[in-house]
């Protein structure tokens, strides 16, 4: 079973059900690929954890590394809105930084004038 290609394990459309012995014979990378293919094909996380011997944390971390959200719920906020909000947030942070600098400069001048 070690000759099973990564593409065969990752692609949800060609997900194959392996026996317990076949799962145990997988290399670590293949095991993760197989677990992710199970997830993308709709298998419950608890079943994946039991069959593959993975913790939820390890499964989710590996999914995130590959750009897969471990949340099956559909986002109610469009991605474009997410990007727009992030852009506005970053602009606000830059503006706050500039204002803090100006405030510090004004306080320094006041202290110099008082001295």
C-alpha atoms as a PDB file:
ATOM      1  CA  UNK A   1       0.000   0.000   0.000  1.00  0.00           C
ATOM      2  CA  UNK A   2       3.042   2.275   0.301  1.00  0.00           C
ATOM      3  CA  UNK A   3       2.957   2.702  -3.471  1.00  0.00           C
ATOM      4  CA  UNK A   4      -0.333   4.614  -3.269  1.00  0.00           C
ATOM      5  CA  UNK A   5       0.353   8.059  -4.718  1.00  0.00           C
ATOM      6  CA  UNK A   6      -0.300  11.251  -2.799  1.00  0.00           C
ATOM      7  CA  UNK A   7      -2.770  12.368  -5.468  1.00  0.00           C
ATOM      8  CA  UNK A   8      -4.819   9.220  -4.908  1.00  0.00           C
ATOM      9  CA  UNK A   9      -4.952   9.899  -1.173  1.00  0.00           C
ATOM     10  CA  UNK A  10      -5.584  13.667  -1.309  1.00  0.00           C
ATOM     11  CA  UNK A  11      -8.161  14.010  -4.069  1.00  0.00           C
ATOM     12  CA  UNK A  12     -11.573  13.691  -2.436  1.00  0.00           C
ATOM     13  CA  UNK A  13     -13.052  12.303  -5.648  1.00  0.00           C
ATOM     14  CA  UNK A  14     -10.701   9.323  -5.705  1.00  0.00           C
ATOM     15  CA  UNK A  15     -10.749   8.688  -1.958  1.00  0.00           C
ATOM     16  CA  UNK A  16     -10.335   4.999  -1.308  1.00  0.00           C
ATOM     17  CA  UNK A  17     -11.272   3.222   1.885  1.00  0.00           C
ATOM     18  CA  UNK A  18      -8.285   1.383   3.290  1.00  0.00           C
ATOM     19  CA  UNK A  19      -8.246  -1.486   5.725  1.00  0.00           C
ATOM     20  CA  UNK A  20      -6.727  -1.072   9.181  1.00  0.00           C
ATOM     21  CA  UNK A  21      -3.614  -2.972   8.044  1.00  0.00           C
ATOM     22  CA  UNK A  22      -3.237  -0.760   4.986  1.00  0.00           C
ATOM     23  CA  UNK A  23      -3.567   2.375   7.107  1.00  0.00           C
ATOM     24  CA  UNK A  24      -0.906   1.111   9.522  1.00  0.00           C
ATOM     25  CA  UNK A  25       1.441   0.449   6.582  1.00  0.00           C
ATOM     26  CA  UNK A  26       1.255   4.069   5.365  1.00  0.00           C
ATOM     27  CA  UNK A  27       4.227   6.377   5.719  1.00  0.00           C
ATOM     28  CA  UNK A  28       3.594   9.420   7.983  1.00  0.00           C
ATOM     29  CA  UNK A  29       3.099  11.785   5.015  1.00  0.00           C
ATOM     30  CA  UNK A  30       0.718   9.315   3.348  1.00  0.00           C
ATOM     31  CA  UNK A  31      -1.206   8.902   6.589  1.00  0.00           C
ATOM     32  CA  UNK A  32      -1.798  12.654   6.755  1.00  0.00           C
ATOM     33  CA  UNK A  33      -2.786  12.699   3.075  1.00  0.00           C
ATOM     34  CA  UNK A  34      -5.230   9.872   3.691  1.00  0.00           C
ATOM     35  CA  UNK A  35      -6.705  11.542   6.782  1.00  0.00           C
ATOM     36  CA  UNK A  36      -7.203  14.785   4.866  1.00  0.00           C
ATOM     37  CA  UNK A  37      -8.849  12.927   1.995  1.00  0.00           C
ATOM     38  CA  UNK A  38     -11.215  11.359   4.519  1.00  0.00           C
ATOM     39  CA  UNK A  39     -12.010  14.819   5.893  1.00  0.00           C
ATOM     40  CA  UNK A  40     -12.617  16.348   2.463  1.00  0.00           C
ATOM     41  CA  UNK A  41     -14.864  13.434   1.536  1.00  0.00           C
ATOM     42  CA  UNK A  42     -17.056  14.227   4.552  1.00  0.00           C
ATOM     43  CA  UNK A  43     -15.952  11.676   7.149  1.00  0.00           C
ATOM     44  CA  UNK A  44     -16.523  12.739  10.775  1.00  0.00           C
ATOM     45  CA  UNK A  45     -13.375  13.955  12.525  1.00  0.00           C
ATOM     46  CA  UNK A  46     -13.796  11.400  15.309  1.00  0.00           C
ATOM     47  CA  UNK A  47     -13.789   8.558  12.769  1.00  0.00           C
ATOM     48  CA  UNK A  48     -10.643   9.954  11.137  1.00  0.00           C
ATOM     49  CA  UNK A  49      -8.935  10.249  14.515  1.00  0.00           C
ATOM     50  CA  UNK A  50      -9.846   6.677  15.460  1.00  0.00           C
ATOM     51  CA  UNK A  51      -8.853   5.090  12.151  1.00  0.00           C
ATOM     52  CA  UNK A  52      -5.650   7.032  11.574  1.00  0.00           C
ATOM     53  CA  UNK A  53      -4.500   7.382  15.152  1.00  0.00           C
ATOM     54  CA  UNK A  54      -4.163  11.157  14.853  1.00  0.00           C
ATOM     55  CA  UNK A  55      -5.088  13.821  17.341  1.00  0.00           C
ATOM     56  CA  UNK A  56      -7.528  16.531  16.314  1.00  0.00           C
ATOM     57  CA  UNK A  57      -4.771  19.131  16.787  1.00  0.00           C
ATOM     58  CA  UNK A  58      -2.340  17.334  14.488  1.00  0.00           C
ATOM     59  CA  UNK A  59      -5.005  16.817  11.822  1.00  0.00           C
ATOM     60  CA  UNK A  60      -6.126  20.443  11.938  1.00  0.00           C
ATOM     61  CA  UNK A  61      -2.560  21.794  11.943  1.00  0.00           C
ATOM     62  CA  UNK A  62      -1.664  19.700   8.900  1.00  0.00           C
ATOM     63  CA  UNK A  63      -4.820  20.867   7.134  1.00  0.00           C
ATOM     64  CA  UNK A  64      -3.999  24.510   7.839  1.00  0.00           C
ATOM     65  CA  UNK A  65      -0.456  24.003   6.504  1.00  0.00           C
ATOM     66  CA  UNK A  66      -2.034  22.869   3.250  1.00  0.00           C
ATOM     67  CA  UNK A  67      -4.496  25.732   3.090  1.00  0.00           C
ATOM     68  CA  UNK A  68      -7.542  23.703   4.075  1.00  0.00           C
ATOM     69  CA  UNK A  69      -9.847  25.223   6.648  1.00  0.00           C
ATOM     70  CA  UNK A  70     -10.724  22.720   9.373  1.00  0.00           C
ATOM     71  CA  UNK A  71     -14.161  24.289   9.583  1.00  0.00           C
ATOM     72  CA  UNK A  72     -16.783  22.656   7.407  1.00  0.00           C
ATOM     73  CA  UNK A  73     -19.249  25.456   7.949  1.00  0.00           C
ATOM     74  CA  UNK A  74     -19.551  27.834   5.030  1.00  0.00           C
ATOM     75  CA  UNK A  75     -18.357  31.314   5.805  1.00  0.00           C
ATOM     76  CA  UNK A  76     -21.167  33.828   5.843  1.00  0.00           C
ATOM     77  CA  UNK A  77     -18.755  36.626   4.926  1.00  0.00           C
ATOM     78  CA  UNK A  78     -17.461  36.761   1.349  1.00  0.00           C
ATOM     79  CA  UNK A  79     -13.693  36.577   0.945  1.00  0.00           C
ATOM     80  CA  UNK A  80     -13.610  39.966  -0.770  1.00  0.00           C
ATOM     81  CA  UNK A  81     -15.164  41.532   2.304  1.00  0.00           C
ATOM     82  CA  UNK A  82     -12.586  39.786   4.502  1.00  0.00           C
ATOM     83  CA  UNK A  83      -9.785  41.274   2.394  1.00  0.00           C
ATOM     84  CA  UNK A  84     -11.366  44.726   2.437  1.00  0.00           C
ATOM     85  CA  UNK A  85     -11.736  44.633   6.225  1.00  0.00           C
ATOM     86  CA  UNK A  86      -8.134  43.490   6.617  1.00  0.00           C
ATOM     87  CA  UNK A  87      -6.956  46.342   4.417  1.00  0.00           C
ATOM     88  CA  UNK A  88      -8.957  48.895   6.430  1.00  0.00           C
ATOM     89  CA  UNK A  89      -7.628  47.419   9.674  1.00  0.00           C
ATOM     90  CA  UNK A  90      -4.025  47.720   8.478  1.00  0.00           C
ATOM     91  CA  UNK A  91      -4.592  51.327   7.380  1.00  0.00           C
ATOM     92  CA  UNK A  92      -6.073  52.149  10.788  1.00  0.00           C
ATOM     93  CA  UNK A  93      -3.070  50.600  12.557  1.00  0.00           C
ATOM     94  CA  UNK A  94      -0.685  52.711  10.466  1.00  0.00           C
ATOM     95  CA  UNK A  95      -2.678  55.860  11.229  1.00  0.00           C
ATOM     96  CA  UNK A  96      -2.681  55.084  14.960  1.00  0.00           C
ATOM     97  CA  UNK A  97       1.084  54.611  14.840  1.00  0.00           C
ATOM     98  CA  UNK A  98       1.542  57.985  13.137  1.00  0.00           C
ATOM     99  CA  UNK A  99      -0.716  59.688  15.687  1.00  0.00           C
ATOM    100  CA  UNK A 100       1.194  58.118  18.588  1.00  0.00           C
ATOM    101  CA  UNK A 101       4.434  59.439  17.113  1.00  0.00           C
ATOM    102  CA  UNK A 102       2.976  62.934  16.766  1.00  0.00           C
ATOM    103  CA  UNK A 103       1.696  62.828  20.355  1.00  0.00           C
ATOM    104  CA  UNK A 104       5.105  61.784  21.673  1.00  0.00           C
ATOM    105  CA  UNK A 105       6.770  64.588  19.709  1.00  0.00           C
ATOM    106  CA  UNK A 106       4.280  67.139  21.066  1.00  0.00           C
ATOM    107  CA  UNK A 107       4.834  65.902  24.628  1.00  0.00           C
ATOM    108  CA  UNK A 108       8.608  66.147  24.139  1.00  0.00           C
ATOM    109  CA  UNK A 109       8.280  69.750  22.887  1.00  0.00           C
ATOM    110  CA  UNK A 110       6.083  70.677  25.848  1.00  0.00           C
ATOM    111  CA  UNK A 111       8.626  69.175  28.232  1.00  0.00           C
ATOM    112  CA  UNK A 112      11.425  71.143  26.500  1.00  0.00           C
ATOM    113  CA  UNK A 113       9.427  74.390  26.774  1.00  0.00           C
ATOM    114  CA  UNK A 114       8.697  73.819  30.448  1.00  0.00           C
ATOM    115  CA  UNK A 115      12.367  73.229  31.227  1.00  0.00           C
END
